[in-house]
Amino acid sequence: MITAMALDAQGFGIPQTIEELRTYLQGALEVEHLTIPVYMTGMYSIHPGANRTAYFAIRSVLMEEMLHMTLVANLLNAVGGKPVVGRKEFVAKYPAKLPFSSDKDVPLIHLRHFSPDALRTFLRIELPRKLAPHPKPGEGWTSIGQFYDAIRQGLEKLVEDHGEAAVFPQRPARQVGPEDFYNSGGEVFAVHDLKSAKLAIRVISEQGEGLDDHIWTSDDLIFGEQRQLAHYFRFNEIYTGRSYGPHDTPKDPPSGPLLDVTWDDAYPIHGDSKVTDYKTNKEVYEQAVAFNTRYAALLSYLQQAFDGTPRAMALAIPTMLELRDRSEQLYRNPHPGRPGRFASPTFELEKPQFDAVYETVEENLRLAGLEAGEPIDLSAVPSWAAERPTDA
């Protein structure tokens, strides 16, 4: 089996085999997921009622990252892979390295409260290809758009060499569709051939970095929705405190009206905190443990959705709302060991967290009239997370 770590050691490039392609797509799942705790931390650390424009801008991106995860899972299932999300091997330890990224040009990703530092992290994650350094051969990607472009090129070459039927075995039951999940710009759709696979990659890339030489997504062209800013430019509006004008380009600073952004209206946190840091305060410790356990439930529902029970997505969304409430409870508590800082979710997930929610997830699926998908064999899945050093 070719592991993602082995491919990463060879240097980022275009996947040459179906197995390498599946490895890249499992890495793409982790890239998309890695952003979710980062954006949740920035959004939920805002004081209730403050910075509403920024709050809803971050929320819109967060929901679109959920959409991207789902499209990548559809893509991985379409090429005969098995997505891994509901296991401890999938969850990064922060500060975290984005899979296959350049060690030199892409810094480790930290959890930060709403602040200029947090927005600089957001902007680095979503940096468009044309604004990113150009990687040398053997180096990692410097923009997520480059990563997806390599996946696209690998797909096209594999179809050319082996035929579409060989690359895309028909597995319609393992596809999440628009009837299963809609709460973002764009929509989920099934992937079953090269055309739909390339469309999924286009949606993901253009929602993040925008169309070529534009600050806008292609949602209006693809889905007939209202035109909106790509992720990078939504974040840049918050960072600069000014909205974009209709004719601004990616290289222009925003030229529109000022936005009301107040950096002090957020709970300052120590982003590298661990649950063990809270043991001196029983209530805070229990809240942090409970948050991580419920986050394990969220990933478990997503795992079931990607394993052939797509309607399990209906249970994932209310779990996200529960996580919002639990995180806001945490932020109101002073950090037991960091004067002037507040407690925050740590997103530490190990086997006990997933074991703790297993029966509840199974029971909720049963009550919803859903059957759990097939169990996943981790030994058969080329997972980046399973191979990543613990200090990544």
Protein backbone atom coordinates (compact mmCIF):
# COMPACT_ATOMS: atom_id res chain seq x y z
CA MET A 1 0.00 0.00 0.00
CA ILE A 2 1.26 3.48 -0.85
CA THR A 3 0.82 5.77 2.12
CA ALA A 4 0.37 9.50 1.95
CA MET A 5 3.47 9.97 4.08
CA ALA A 6 5.52 8.07 1.48
CA LEU A 7 4.12 10.24 -1.31
CA ASP A 8 4.79 13.35 0.73
CA ALA A 9 8.43 12.27 1.17
CA GLN A 10 8.76 11.90 -2.60
CA GLY A 11 7.57 15.44 -3.08
CA PHE A 12 4.15 16.74 -4.01
CA GLY A 13 3.18 15.95 -7.58
CA ILE A 14 0.46 14.54 -9.79
CA PRO A 15 -0.97 11.16 -8.67
CA GLN A 16 0.11 8.49 -11.12
CA THR A 17 -2.01 5.51 -10.06
CA ILE A 18 -5.52 4.92 -8.76
CA GLU A 19 -4.07 4.12 -5.34
CA GLU A 20 -2.10 7.37 -5.28
CA LEU A 21 -5.21 9.26 -6.38
CA ARG A 22 -7.21 7.79 -3.49
CA THR A 23 -4.40 8.76 -1.13
CA TYR A 24 -4.49 12.35 -2.40
CA LEU A 25 -8.27 12.46 -2.00
CA GLN A 26 -8.04 11.16 1.58
CA GLY A 27 -5.49 13.95 2.12
CA ALA A 28 -7.94 16.42 0.58
CA LEU A 29 -10.57 15.29 3.09
CA GLU A 30 -8.15 16.15 5.87
CA VAL A 31 -7.30 19.51 4.31
CA GLU A 32 -10.99 20.44 4.25
CA HIS A 33 -11.61 19.18 7.77
CA LEU A 34 -8.51 20.83 9.21
CA THR A 35 -10.03 24.22 8.48
CA ILE A 36 -13.27 23.53 10.34
CA PRO A 37 -11.94 23.72 13.95
CA VAL A 38 -9.86 26.74 12.91
CA TYR A 39 -12.88 28.65 11.59
CA MET A 40 -15.12 27.44 14.44
CA THR A 41 -12.63 28.79 16.98
CA GLY A 42 -12.48 32.18 15.27
CA MET A 43 -16.26 32.41 14.93
CA TYR A 44 -17.42 31.09 18.31
CA SER A 45 -14.85 33.11 20.28
CA ILE A 46 -16.64 36.33 19.20
CA HIS A 47 -18.66 37.85 22.04
CA PRO A 48 -22.39 37.11 21.56
CA GLY A 49 -24.01 39.85 19.48
CA ALA A 50 -20.72 41.45 18.39
CA ASN A 51 -19.09 41.51 14.95
CA ARG A 52 -22.19 40.10 13.27
CA THR A 53 -20.96 40.73 9.73
CA ALA A 54 -17.72 38.91 10.47
CA TYR A 55 -19.53 36.14 12.33
CA PHE A 56 -21.84 35.32 9.45
CA ALA A 57 -19.05 35.61 6.88
CA ILE A 58 -16.99 33.03 8.77
CA ARG A 59 -20.08 30.88 9.25
CA SER A 60 -20.77 30.88 5.51
CA VAL A 61 -17.22 29.67 4.82
CA LEU A 62 -17.47 27.04 7.55
CA MET A 63 -20.60 25.58 6.00
CA GLU A 64 -18.99 25.56 2.58
CA GLU A 65 -16.05 23.61 4.03
CA MET A 66 -18.62 21.01 5.10
CA LEU A 67 -19.85 21.03 1.52
CA HIS A 68 -16.28 20.57 0.27
CA MET A 69 -15.71 17.63 2.61
CA THR A 70 -18.85 16.00 1.26
CA LEU A 71 -17.89 16.58 -2.38
CA VAL A 72 -14.42 15.13 -1.74
CA ALA A 73 -16.00 12.10 -0.05
CA ASN A 74 -18.27 11.66 -3.08
CA LEU A 75 -15.20 11.88 -5.31
CA LEU A 76 -13.25 9.36 -3.25
CA ASN A 77 -16.18 6.95 -3.22
CA ALA A 78 -16.60 7.45 -6.98
CA VAL A 79 -13.06 6.22 -7.69
CA GLY A 80 -13.46 3.16 -5.48
CA GLY A 81 -11.97 4.56 -2.28
CA LYS A 82 -13.32 4.56 1.26
CA PRO A 83 -13.38 7.91 3.09
CA VAL A 84 -12.09 7.88 6.66
CA VAL A 85 -13.38 10.70 8.85
CA GLY A 86 -14.97 9.12 11.93
CA ARG A 87 -11.79 7.69 13.43
CA LYS A 88 -9.05 9.12 15.63
CA GLU A 89 -6.53 8.58 12.83
CA PHE A 90 -8.26 11.29 10.82
CA VAL A 91 -8.15 14.11 13.36
CA ALA A 92 -5.15 16.43 13.31
CA LYS A 93 -3.39 17.63 16.43
CA TYR A 94 -3.08 21.41 16.45
CA PRO A 95 -0.87 23.16 15.49
CA ALA A 96 -1.19 21.04 12.36
CA LYS A 97 0.44 20.64 8.97
CA LEU A 98 -1.79 20.67 5.91
CA PRO A 99 -1.20 17.41 3.98
CA PHE A 100 1.27 17.60 1.06
CA SER A 101 1.86 21.31 1.69
CA SER A 102 5.20 23.09 1.47
CA ASP A 103 7.13 23.08 4.73
CA LYS A 104 8.78 26.33 3.68
CA ASP A 105 5.80 28.33 2.41
CA VAL A 106 2.79 26.99 4.36
CA PRO A 107 3.09 27.42 8.15
CA LEU A 108 1.57 25.14 10.76
CA ILE A 109 -2.08 25.94 11.36
CA HIS A 110 -2.98 27.10 14.90
CA LEU A 111 -6.30 27.54 16.66
CA ARG A 112 -6.75 31.26 17.36
CA HIS A 113 -9.53 33.45 18.71
CA PHE A 114 -11.08 36.15 16.53
CA SER A 115 -8.19 38.54 15.96
CA PRO A 116 -5.91 39.86 13.19
CA ASP A 117 -3.68 36.81 13.77
CA ALA A 118 -6.64 34.48 13.21
CA LEU A 119 -7.60 36.27 10.00
CA ARG A 120 -4.02 36.07 8.74
CA THR A 121 -4.23 32.30 9.30
CA PHE A 122 -7.55 32.17 7.44
CA LEU A 123 -6.08 34.14 4.54
CA ARG A 124 -3.05 31.86 4.31
CA ILE A 125 -5.25 28.78 4.17
CA GLU A 126 -7.40 30.22 1.35
CA LEU A 127 -4.59 31.97 -0.58
CA PRO A 128 -5.34 31.89 -4.35
CA ARG A 129 -2.86 30.22 -6.67
CA LYS A 130 -1.94 33.46 -8.42
CA LEU A 131 -1.01 35.08 -5.10
CA ALA A 132 0.91 32.08 -3.74
CA PRO A 133 4.62 31.30 -4.18
CA HIS A 134 5.31 28.92 -7.06
CA PRO A 135 6.60 25.61 -5.67
CA LYS A 136 9.78 24.05 -7.04
CA PRO A 137 9.78 20.42 -8.20
CA GLY A 138 9.68 18.11 -5.21
CA GLU A 139 8.25 20.73 -2.87
CA GLY A 140 4.73 20.72 -1.46
CA TRP A 141 1.83 22.80 -2.67
CA THR A 142 1.62 26.45 -1.66
CA SER A 143 -2.10 26.90 -2.30
CA ILE A 144 -5.02 24.52 -1.95
CA GLY A 145 -5.94 25.33 -5.55
CA GLN A 146 -2.61 23.84 -6.66
CA PHE A 147 -3.39 20.68 -4.72
CA TYR A 148 -6.76 20.22 -6.39
CA ASP A 149 -5.30 21.02 -9.80
CA ALA A 150 -2.84 18.13 -9.33
CA ILE A 151 -5.76 15.84 -8.45
CA ARG A 152 -7.61 17.00 -11.58
CA GLN A 153 -4.59 16.32 -13.78
CA GLY A 154 -4.14 12.89 -12.24
CA LEU A 155 -7.80 12.05 -12.85
CA GLU A 156 -7.65 13.11 -16.48
CA LYS A 157 -4.50 11.05 -17.15
CA LEU A 158 -5.88 7.96 -15.42
CA VAL A 159 -9.09 8.14 -17.47
CA GLU A 160 -7.04 8.61 -20.63
CA ASP A 161 -4.85 5.58 -19.79
CA HIS A 162 -7.43 3.18 -18.34
CA GLY A 163 -10.85 4.38 -19.48
CA GLU A 164 -13.59 6.05 -17.49
CA ALA A 165 -15.28 2.81 -16.43
CA ALA A 166 -12.07 1.54 -14.80
CA VAL A 167 -11.53 4.77 -12.84
CA PHE A 168 -15.17 5.28 -11.82
CA PRO A 169 -16.84 2.04 -10.67
CA GLN A 170 -20.55 2.76 -10.32
CA ARG A 171 -21.40 3.06 -6.60
CA PRO A 172 -24.47 5.34 -6.50
CA ALA A 173 -25.49 4.22 -3.00
CA ARG A 174 -22.33 5.80 -1.59
CA GLN A 175 -23.08 9.28 -2.94
CA VAL A 176 -24.48 12.14 -0.84
CA GLY A 177 -26.92 14.24 -2.88
CA PRO A 178 -28.64 17.62 -2.58
CA GLU A 179 -31.59 16.00 -0.87
CA ASP A 180 -29.25 14.94 1.95
CA PHE A 181 -27.39 18.18 2.68
CA TYR A 182 -27.97 21.82 1.84
CA ASN A 183 -26.85 24.66 4.06
CA SER A 184 -24.23 26.60 2.10
CA GLY A 185 -23.36 28.30 -1.14
CA GLY A 186 -23.56 25.78 -3.95
CA GLU A 187 -24.91 22.31 -3.32
CA VAL A 188 -23.84 18.71 -2.96
CA PHE A 189 -24.13 16.53 -6.05
CA ALA A 190 -23.25 12.97 -6.97
CA VAL A 191 -19.93 12.20 -8.64
CA HIS A 192 -19.97 9.34 -11.13
CA ASP A 193 -17.67 10.25 -14.03
CA LEU A 194 -14.85 12.56 -15.09
CA LYS A 195 -17.19 15.44 -15.90
CA SER A 196 -18.87 15.47 -12.47
CA ALA A 197 -15.53 14.89 -10.75
CA LYS A 198 -14.02 17.93 -12.48
CA LEU A 199 -17.08 19.97 -11.58
CA ALA A 200 -16.65 19.03 -7.90
CA ILE A 201 -13.01 20.12 -8.02
CA ARG A 202 -14.02 23.35 -9.73
CA VAL A 203 -16.63 24.16 -7.08
CA ILE A 204 -14.19 23.52 -4.24
CA SER A 205 -11.34 25.50 -5.79
CA GLU A 206 -13.39 28.47 -6.97
CA GLN A 207 -15.33 28.84 -3.73
CA GLY A 208 -11.98 29.11 -1.97
CA GLU A 209 -9.91 31.29 -4.29
CA GLY A 210 -12.38 32.65 -6.85
CA LEU A 211 -12.53 32.46 -10.62
CA ASP A 212 -9.37 33.32 -12.55
CA ASP A 213 -8.63 37.03 -12.09
CA HIS A 214 -11.89 37.53 -10.17
CA ILE A 215 -12.80 37.84 -6.50
CA TRP A 216 -16.10 36.03 -7.05
CA THR A 217 -17.09 32.35 -6.91
CA SER A 218 -18.76 30.56 -9.79
CA ASP A 219 -21.87 29.64 -7.75
CA ASP A 220 -24.00 31.96 -9.90
CA LEU A 221 -22.78 30.25 -13.08
CA ILE A 222 -23.02 26.67 -11.82
CA PHE A 223 -25.97 26.74 -9.43
CA GLY A 224 -27.85 29.87 -10.50
CA GLU A 225 -27.32 31.42 -7.08
CA GLN A 226 -26.46 34.97 -6.14
CA ARG A 227 -22.87 35.91 -6.90
CA GLN A 228 -20.69 35.97 -3.78
CA LEU A 229 -17.07 36.54 -2.79
CA ALA A 230 -14.66 33.62 -2.63
CA HIS A 231 -13.42 32.61 0.82
CA TYR A 232 -10.12 34.48 0.61
CA PHE A 233 -11.85 37.75 -0.21
CA ARG A 234 -14.60 37.32 2.41
CA PHE A 235 -11.84 36.98 4.97
CA ASN A 236 -9.89 39.90 3.54
CA GLU A 237 -12.92 42.15 4.02
CA ILE A 238 -12.90 41.31 7.73
CA TYR A 239 -9.12 41.70 8.01
CA THR A 240 -9.04 45.11 6.30
CA GLY A 241 -12.35 46.32 7.74
CA ARG A 242 -13.61 47.30 4.31
CA SER A 243 -15.88 45.62 1.76
CA TYR A 244 -14.97 44.97 -1.86
CA GLY A 245 -16.44 47.00 -4.67
CA PRO A 246 -18.08 45.31 -7.67
CA HIS A 247 -15.11 45.98 -9.97
CA ASP A 248 -12.23 45.19 -7.58
CA THR A 249 -9.72 42.56 -8.74
CA PRO A 250 -7.79 40.00 -6.64
CA LYS A 251 -4.75 42.28 -6.51
CA ASP A 252 -6.76 45.34 -5.42
CA PRO A 253 -7.39 46.23 -1.79
CA PRO A 254 -11.11 46.44 -0.98
CA SER A 255 -12.52 49.78 -2.15
CA GLY A 256 -16.08 49.60 -0.83
CA PRO A 257 -17.72 50.82 2.39
CA LEU A 258 -16.09 50.33 5.80
CA LEU A 259 -17.09 47.32 7.89
CA ASP A 260 -17.59 47.46 11.64
CA VAL A 261 -14.93 45.11 13.05
CA THR A 262 -14.00 45.30 16.73
CA TRP A 263 -11.15 42.96 17.58
CA ASP A 264 -11.58 43.41 21.34
CA ASP A 265 -15.05 41.87 21.22
CA ALA A 266 -13.72 38.32 21.46
CA TYR A 267 -12.59 35.96 24.20
CA PRO A 268 -8.77 35.75 24.08
CA ILE A 269 -7.66 32.12 24.30
CA HIS A 270 -4.48 30.07 24.45
CA GLY A 271 -4.96 28.20 21.19
CA ASP A 272 -2.56 25.35 21.99
CA SER A 273 -4.43 24.38 25.17
CA LYS A 274 -5.06 20.72 25.94
CA VAL A 275 -7.85 19.19 28.02
CA THR A 276 -5.32 18.29 30.73
CA ASP A 277 -4.66 22.04 31.21
CA TYR A 278 -8.19 22.34 32.63
CA LYS A 279 -7.96 19.60 35.28
CA THR A 280 -7.63 22.10 38.11
CA ASN A 281 -11.17 23.30 37.36
CA LYS A 282 -13.56 20.35 37.33
CA GLU A 283 -16.40 22.19 35.59
CA VAL A 284 -14.22 23.54 32.76
CA TYR A 285 -12.50 20.17 32.36
CA GLU A 286 -15.83 18.36 32.03
CA GLN A 287 -17.09 20.92 29.52
CA ALA A 288 -13.96 20.50 27.39
CA VAL A 289 -14.25 16.71 27.50
CA ALA A 290 -17.95 16.89 26.59
CA PHE A 291 -17.22 19.15 23.62
CA ASN A 292 -14.65 16.74 22.21
CA THR A 293 -17.02 13.82 22.70
CA ARG A 294 -19.80 15.59 20.81
CA TYR A 295 -17.34 16.49 18.06
CA ALA A 296 -16.60 12.77 17.77
CA ALA A 297 -20.36 12.28 17.27
CA LEU A 298 -20.33 14.83 14.43
CA LEU A 299 -17.54 12.98 12.63
CA SER A 300 -19.27 9.65 13.30
CA TYR A 301 -22.44 10.88 11.58
CA LEU A 302 -20.36 12.09 8.64
CA GLN A 303 -18.64 8.69 8.48
CA GLN A 304 -22.00 6.97 8.24
CA ALA A 305 -23.13 9.40 5.56
CA PHE A 306 -20.03 8.72 3.48
CA ASP A 307 -20.26 4.96 4.06
CA GLY A 308 -23.59 4.58 2.29
CA THR A 309 -26.14 6.14 4.65
CA PRO A 310 -26.30 9.64 3.15
CA ARG A 311 -29.34 10.66 5.19
CA ALA A 312 -27.10 10.58 8.29
CA MET A 313 -26.13 14.11 7.21
CA ALA A 314 -29.45 15.18 8.73
CA LEU A 315 -28.05 14.26 12.15
CA ALA A 316 -24.73 16.05 11.60
CA ILE A 317 -26.19 19.56 11.25
CA PRO A 318 -27.99 19.72 14.66
CA THR A 319 -24.81 18.32 16.22
CA MET A 320 -22.94 21.34 14.87
CA LEU A 321 -25.48 23.60 16.56
CA GLU A 322 -24.91 21.74 19.82
CA LEU A 323 -21.17 22.28 19.40
CA ARG A 324 -21.81 26.01 19.01
CA ASP A 325 -23.65 26.09 22.33
CA ARG A 326 -21.02 24.00 24.11
CA SER A 327 -18.15 26.14 22.81
CA GLU A 328 -19.86 29.35 23.92
CA GLN A 329 -20.20 27.87 27.42
CA LEU A 330 -16.47 27.11 27.45
CA TYR A 331 -15.41 30.58 26.30
CA ARG A 332 -17.15 32.22 29.27
CA ASN A 333 -14.74 30.49 31.69
CA PRO A 334 -11.33 31.93 32.58
CA HIS A 335 -8.48 29.61 31.62
CA PRO A 336 -7.39 27.84 34.85
CA GLY A 337 -3.70 28.14 34.03
CA ARG A 338 -3.45 31.21 31.80
CA PRO A 339 -4.30 34.53 33.45
CA GLY A 340 -6.11 36.86 31.09
CA ARG A 341 -7.10 33.99 28.79
CA PHE A 342 -10.31 31.99 28.50
CA ALA A 343 -11.01 28.29 28.11
CA SER A 344 -11.70 26.97 24.61
CA PRO A 345 -12.39 23.70 22.76
CA THR A 346 -9.22 21.70 22.11
CA PHE A 347 -10.49 19.35 19.36
CA GLU A 348 -8.54 16.42 20.83
CA LEU A 349 -10.14 13.20 19.65
CA GLU A 350 -8.86 9.76 20.50
CA LYS A 351 -10.47 6.32 20.53
CA PRO A 352 -12.28 6.86 23.88
CA GLN A 353 -14.24 9.80 22.44
CA PHE A 354 -15.42 7.74 19.46
CA ASP A 355 -16.16 4.73 21.68
CA ALA A 356 -18.21 6.97 24.00
CA VAL A 357 -20.59 8.06 21.22
CA TYR A 358 -20.81 4.77 19.31
CA GLU A 359 -24.01 3.51 20.92
CA THR A 360 -25.69 6.93 20.82
CA VAL A 361 -24.89 7.36 17.13
CA GLU A 362 -26.18 3.87 16.33
CA GLU A 363 -29.36 4.45 18.35
CA ASN A 364 -30.05 7.82 16.72
CA LEU A 365 -29.59 6.30 13.28
CA ARG A 366 -32.05 3.54 14.23
CA LEU A 367 -34.60 6.03 15.57
CA ALA A 368 -34.28 8.01 12.34
CA GLY A 369 -35.02 4.86 10.36
CA LEU A 370 -31.49 4.66 8.97
CA GLU A 371 -29.20 1.68 8.76
CA ALA A 372 -25.53 2.24 9.46
CA GLY A 373 -23.17 1.88 6.53
CA GLU A 374 -20.58 -0.86 6.30
CA PRO A 375 -17.75 -0.69 8.86
CA ILE A 376 -14.51 0.60 7.44
CA ASP A 377 -11.23 -1.33 7.43
CA LEU A 378 -8.53 1.22 8.24
CA SER A 379 -5.77 -1.16 7.17
CA ALA A 380 -7.11 -1.03 3.61
CA VAL A 381 -7.32 2.76 3.43
CA PRO A 382 -4.33 4.96 2.56
CA SER A 383 -4.88 7.56 5.27
CA TRP A 384 -2.61 10.57 5.69
CA ALA A 385 -3.65 10.95 9.31
CA ALA A 386 -2.72 7.40 10.24
CA GLU A 387 0.84 8.01 9.06
CA ARG A 388 1.36 11.54 10.38
CA PRO A 389 3.83 12.07 13.25
CA THR A 390 2.09 12.98 16.51
CA ASP A 391 3.79 16.39 16.67
CA ALA A 392 2.50 17.50 13.27
